[in-house]
């Protein structure tokens, strides 16, 4: 994964196992089908026309329909545009 560098404006996320909660967030059943939580593993350079606010290591909420799945070294990752991130979720948020 270290040699993998996305093009400007794109990021790579390692999805977390499915759950209906993420800290203080409870997802509706319909939302669980469309959204995932994961860790940002690679960030492309910032494009001139958009700001990238997440960093490698951030825990994020993203829409699975906006991403493409890829496998690197036997692990599955989601590849998407940085502006498709819905939220940065705190690591220390308590579980419900």
N, C-alpha and C. Protein backbone atom coordinates (compact mmCIF):
# COMPACT_ATOMS: atom_id res chain seq x y z
N UNK A 1 0.82 -1.20 0.00
CA UNK A 1 0.00 0.00 0.00
C UNK A 1 0.87 1.26 0.00
N UNK A 2 2.06 1.19 0.52
CA UNK A 2 2.90 2.38 0.62
C UNK A 2 3.25 2.98 -0.73
N UNK A 3 3.37 2.14 -1.75
CA UNK A 3 3.73 2.65 -3.07
C UNK A 3 2.52 3.15 -3.86
N UNK A 4 1.33 2.95 -3.33
CA UNK A 4 0.11 3.36 -4.03
C UNK A 4 -0.17 4.82 -3.75
N UNK A 5 -0.28 5.64 -4.79
CA UNK A 5 -0.55 7.07 -4.62
C UNK A 5 -1.69 7.46 -5.56
N UNK A 6 -2.86 7.82 -5.02
CA UNK A 6 -3.97 8.21 -5.88
C UNK A 6 -3.70 9.53 -6.61
N UNK A 7 -4.37 9.70 -7.73
CA UNK A 7 -4.28 10.97 -8.47
C UNK A 7 -4.88 12.10 -7.65
N UNK A 8 -4.58 13.36 -8.01
CA UNK A 8 -5.12 14.50 -7.27
C UNK A 8 -6.65 14.43 -7.16
N UNK A 9 -7.13 14.72 -5.95
CA UNK A 9 -8.57 14.75 -5.69
C UNK A 9 -9.18 13.41 -5.30
N UNK A 10 -8.37 12.35 -5.27
CA UNK A 10 -8.88 11.03 -4.92
C UNK A 10 -8.26 10.53 -3.61
N UNK A 11 -8.99 9.63 -2.93
CA UNK A 11 -8.48 9.03 -1.70
C UNK A 11 -8.76 7.52 -1.71
N UNK A 12 -8.05 6.81 -0.85
CA UNK A 12 -8.24 5.37 -0.68
C UNK A 12 -8.61 5.13 0.78
N UNK A 13 -9.69 4.34 0.98
CA UNK A 13 -10.20 4.05 2.32
C UNK A 13 -10.20 2.55 2.56
N UNK A 14 -9.79 2.14 3.75
CA UNK A 14 -9.92 0.75 4.17
C UNK A 14 -11.22 0.64 4.97
N UNK A 15 -12.24 -0.04 4.43
CA UNK A 15 -13.53 -0.11 5.11
C UNK A 15 -13.45 -0.87 6.43
N UNK A 16 -14.27 -0.42 7.40
CA UNK A 16 -14.41 -1.13 8.67
C UNK A 16 -15.48 -2.21 8.50
N UNK A 17 -15.48 -3.22 9.37
CA UNK A 17 -16.57 -4.19 9.33
C UNK A 17 -17.91 -3.50 9.51
N UNK A 18 -18.96 -4.02 8.87
CA UNK A 18 -20.28 -3.39 8.93
C UNK A 18 -20.83 -3.35 10.35
N UNK A 19 -21.47 -2.23 10.68
CA UNK A 19 -22.12 -2.03 11.97
C UNK A 19 -23.19 -0.98 11.77
N UNK A 20 -24.21 -0.97 12.64
CA UNK A 20 -25.24 0.07 12.52
C UNK A 20 -24.93 1.27 13.38
N UNK A 21 -23.78 1.26 14.07
CA UNK A 21 -23.38 2.41 14.86
C UNK A 21 -21.95 2.79 14.54
N UNK A 22 -21.66 4.04 14.78
CA UNK A 22 -20.29 4.54 14.69
C UNK A 22 -20.14 5.58 15.76
N UNK A 23 -19.72 5.16 16.92
CA UNK A 23 -19.64 6.09 18.02
C UNK A 23 -21.02 6.56 18.40
N UNK A 24 -21.24 7.86 18.37
CA UNK A 24 -22.52 8.43 18.75
C UNK A 24 -23.52 8.44 17.60
N UNK A 25 -23.14 7.93 16.43
CA UNK A 25 -24.02 7.94 15.27
C UNK A 25 -24.74 6.61 15.16
N UNK A 26 -26.06 6.64 14.99
CA UNK A 26 -26.84 5.44 14.73
C UNK A 26 -27.41 5.60 13.33
N UNK A 27 -27.14 4.64 12.46
CA UNK A 27 -27.59 4.72 11.08
C UNK A 27 -28.90 3.99 10.92
N UNK A 28 -29.81 4.57 10.14
CA UNK A 28 -31.06 3.88 9.83
C UNK A 28 -30.74 2.67 8.97
N UNK A 29 -31.69 1.72 8.90
CA UNK A 29 -31.44 0.51 8.14
C UNK A 29 -31.16 0.81 6.67
N UNK A 30 -31.87 1.76 6.08
CA UNK A 30 -31.63 2.14 4.69
C UNK A 30 -30.26 2.75 4.48
N UNK A 31 -29.81 3.53 5.44
CA UNK A 31 -28.49 4.16 5.34
C UNK A 31 -27.38 3.13 5.43
N UNK A 32 -27.60 2.07 6.20
CA UNK A 32 -26.57 1.04 6.35
C UNK A 32 -26.25 0.38 5.02
N UNK A 33 -27.22 0.33 4.12
CA UNK A 33 -27.00 -0.27 2.81
C UNK A 33 -26.10 0.59 1.94
N UNK A 34 -26.10 1.90 2.19
CA UNK A 34 -25.42 2.84 1.29
C UNK A 34 -24.14 3.43 1.85
N UNK A 35 -23.98 3.43 3.17
CA UNK A 35 -22.84 4.11 3.76
C UNK A 35 -21.93 3.15 4.51
N UNK A 36 -20.67 3.53 4.58
CA UNK A 36 -19.66 2.74 5.27
C UNK A 36 -18.78 3.67 6.08
N UNK A 37 -18.13 3.08 7.08
CA UNK A 37 -17.09 3.77 7.82
C UNK A 37 -15.76 3.13 7.46
N UNK A 38 -14.71 3.92 7.49
CA UNK A 38 -13.40 3.37 7.18
C UNK A 38 -12.29 4.33 7.53
N UNK A 39 -11.07 3.83 7.39
CA UNK A 39 -9.87 4.63 7.66
C UNK A 39 -9.27 5.08 6.34
N UNK A 40 -8.90 6.34 6.29
CA UNK A 40 -8.22 6.88 5.11
C UNK A 40 -6.81 6.32 5.11
N UNK A 41 -6.41 5.67 3.99
CA UNK A 41 -5.10 5.05 3.89
C UNK A 41 -4.18 5.76 2.91
N UNK A 42 -4.73 6.52 1.97
CA UNK A 42 -3.91 7.28 1.02
C UNK A 42 -4.71 8.46 0.52
N UNK A 43 -4.03 9.59 0.32
CA UNK A 43 -4.68 10.82 -0.15
C UNK A 43 -3.87 11.37 -1.31
N UNK A 44 -4.54 11.62 -2.43
CA UNK A 44 -3.87 12.27 -3.56
C UNK A 44 -3.66 13.75 -3.26
N UNK A 45 -2.86 14.39 -4.07
CA UNK A 45 -2.63 15.82 -3.90
C UNK A 45 -3.95 16.58 -4.06
N UNK A 46 -4.00 17.74 -3.45
CA UNK A 46 -5.20 18.59 -3.54
C UNK A 46 -5.29 19.21 -4.93
N UNK A 47 -6.49 19.19 -5.49
CA UNK A 47 -6.71 19.85 -6.77
C UNK A 47 -6.94 21.34 -6.53
N UNK A 48 -6.69 22.15 -7.53
CA UNK A 48 -6.86 23.59 -7.38
C UNK A 48 -8.30 23.99 -7.10
N UNK A 49 -9.27 23.20 -7.61
CA UNK A 49 -10.67 23.57 -7.51
C UNK A 49 -11.40 22.93 -6.33
N UNK A 50 -10.70 22.18 -5.46
CA UNK A 50 -11.37 21.59 -4.30
C UNK A 50 -10.39 21.41 -3.15
N UNK A 51 -10.94 21.41 -1.95
CA UNK A 51 -10.13 21.27 -0.75
C UNK A 51 -10.29 19.85 -0.20
N UNK A 52 -9.19 19.23 0.18
CA UNK A 52 -9.24 17.92 0.82
C UNK A 52 -9.03 18.13 2.31
N UNK A 53 -10.06 17.81 3.10
CA UNK A 53 -9.98 18.08 4.54
C UNK A 53 -9.64 16.85 5.37
N UNK A 54 -9.65 15.68 4.76
CA UNK A 54 -9.29 14.48 5.52
C UNK A 54 -7.82 14.15 5.29
N UNK A 55 -7.26 13.40 6.24
CA UNK A 55 -5.86 13.03 6.19
C UNK A 55 -5.73 11.52 6.38
N UNK A 56 -4.59 10.98 6.04
CA UNK A 56 -4.32 9.56 6.27
C UNK A 56 -4.51 9.28 7.76
N UNK A 57 -5.27 8.22 8.06
CA UNK A 57 -5.54 7.84 9.44
C UNK A 57 -6.89 8.30 9.96
N UNK A 58 -7.53 9.27 9.29
CA UNK A 58 -8.85 9.73 9.72
C UNK A 58 -9.88 8.63 9.54
N UNK A 59 -10.86 8.58 10.44
CA UNK A 59 -12.00 7.68 10.33
C UNK A 59 -13.12 8.47 9.67
N UNK A 60 -13.66 7.96 8.57
CA UNK A 60 -14.63 8.72 7.79
C UNK A 60 -15.89 7.91 7.48
N UNK A 61 -16.94 8.62 7.15
CA UNK A 61 -18.20 8.05 6.67
C UNK A 61 -18.27 8.38 5.19
N UNK A 62 -18.56 7.36 4.36
CA UNK A 62 -18.62 7.59 2.92
C UNK A 62 -19.73 6.76 2.30
N UNK A 63 -20.17 7.17 1.13
CA UNK A 63 -21.22 6.49 0.39
C UNK A 63 -20.60 5.41 -0.48
N UNK A 64 -21.01 4.16 -0.28
CA UNK A 64 -20.38 3.08 -1.05
C UNK A 64 -20.68 3.17 -2.53
N UNK A 65 -21.79 3.79 -2.91
CA UNK A 65 -22.13 3.90 -4.34
C UNK A 65 -21.25 4.91 -5.05
N UNK A 66 -20.55 5.76 -4.30
CA UNK A 66 -19.66 6.75 -4.89
C UNK A 66 -18.23 6.23 -5.02
N UNK A 67 -18.02 4.99 -4.59
CA UNK A 67 -16.65 4.47 -4.58
C UNK A 67 -16.51 3.24 -5.46
N UNK A 68 -15.26 2.91 -5.75
CA UNK A 68 -14.91 1.69 -6.48
C UNK A 68 -14.05 0.83 -5.59
N UNK A 69 -14.35 -0.46 -5.57
CA UNK A 69 -13.56 -1.37 -4.75
C UNK A 69 -12.33 -1.83 -5.51
N UNK A 70 -11.21 -1.91 -4.80
CA UNK A 70 -10.00 -2.45 -5.40
C UNK A 70 -9.28 -3.28 -4.35
N UNK A 71 -8.49 -4.22 -4.80
CA UNK A 71 -7.73 -5.09 -3.90
C UNK A 71 -6.25 -4.84 -4.12
N UNK A 72 -5.55 -4.55 -3.02
CA UNK A 72 -4.11 -4.31 -3.06
C UNK A 72 -3.48 -5.22 -2.02
N UNK A 73 -2.54 -6.03 -2.43
CA UNK A 73 -1.86 -6.96 -1.52
C UNK A 73 -2.86 -7.82 -0.74
N UNK A 74 -3.95 -8.22 -1.39
CA UNK A 74 -4.94 -9.09 -0.78
C UNK A 74 -5.94 -8.41 0.13
N UNK A 75 -5.86 -7.10 0.32
CA UNK A 75 -6.81 -6.36 1.16
C UNK A 75 -7.73 -5.53 0.28
N UNK A 76 -9.00 -5.42 0.70
CA UNK A 76 -9.98 -4.63 -0.07
C UNK A 76 -9.98 -3.19 0.42
N UNK A 77 -10.02 -2.28 -0.55
CA UNK A 77 -10.06 -0.85 -0.28
C UNK A 77 -11.14 -0.22 -1.14
N UNK A 78 -11.58 0.96 -0.74
CA UNK A 78 -12.52 1.75 -1.53
C UNK A 78 -11.76 2.98 -2.06
N UNK A 79 -11.94 3.25 -3.33
CA UNK A 79 -11.26 4.34 -4.02
C UNK A 79 -12.34 5.33 -4.45
N UNK A 80 -12.23 6.60 -4.04
CA UNK A 80 -13.26 7.58 -4.37
C UNK A 80 -12.70 8.99 -4.38
N UNK A 81 -13.50 9.90 -4.92
CA UNK A 81 -13.14 11.33 -4.91
C UNK A 81 -13.22 11.85 -3.49
N UNK A 82 -12.32 12.71 -3.12
CA UNK A 82 -12.29 13.25 -1.76
C UNK A 82 -13.58 13.99 -1.41
N UNK A 83 -14.22 14.62 -2.38
CA UNK A 83 -15.44 15.37 -2.07
C UNK A 83 -16.65 14.45 -1.84
N UNK A 84 -16.47 13.13 -1.93
CA UNK A 84 -17.53 12.17 -1.64
C UNK A 84 -17.55 11.75 -0.17
N UNK A 85 -16.60 12.23 0.62
CA UNK A 85 -16.59 11.94 2.06
C UNK A 85 -17.75 12.69 2.69
N UNK A 86 -18.56 11.98 3.50
CA UNK A 86 -19.73 12.59 4.13
C UNK A 86 -19.40 13.22 5.47
N UNK A 87 -18.45 12.62 6.22
CA UNK A 87 -18.09 13.15 7.55
C UNK A 87 -16.79 12.52 8.02
N UNK A 88 -16.08 13.25 8.87
CA UNK A 88 -14.96 12.69 9.60
C UNK A 88 -15.51 12.32 10.97
N UNK A 89 -15.35 11.07 11.38
CA UNK A 89 -15.93 10.55 12.61
C UNK A 89 -14.83 10.41 13.65
N UNK A 90 -15.01 11.01 14.85
CA UNK A 90 -13.97 10.93 15.87
C UNK A 90 -13.69 9.49 16.30
N UNK A 91 -12.44 9.18 16.53
CA UNK A 91 -12.02 7.85 16.99
C UNK A 91 -12.55 7.56 18.38
N UNK A 92 -12.56 8.57 19.23
CA UNK A 92 -12.90 8.35 20.64
C UNK A 92 -14.39 8.50 20.93
N UNK A 93 -15.23 8.54 19.89
CA UNK A 93 -16.68 8.62 20.13
C UNK A 93 -17.14 7.35 20.79
N UNK A 94 -17.97 7.48 21.83
CA UNK A 94 -18.44 6.30 22.55
C UNK A 94 -19.48 5.55 21.75
N UNK A 95 -19.52 4.24 21.91
CA UNK A 95 -20.49 3.40 21.21
C UNK A 95 -21.83 3.44 21.94
N UNK A 96 -22.91 3.35 21.17
CA UNK A 96 -24.25 3.31 21.75
C UNK A 96 -24.64 1.90 22.09
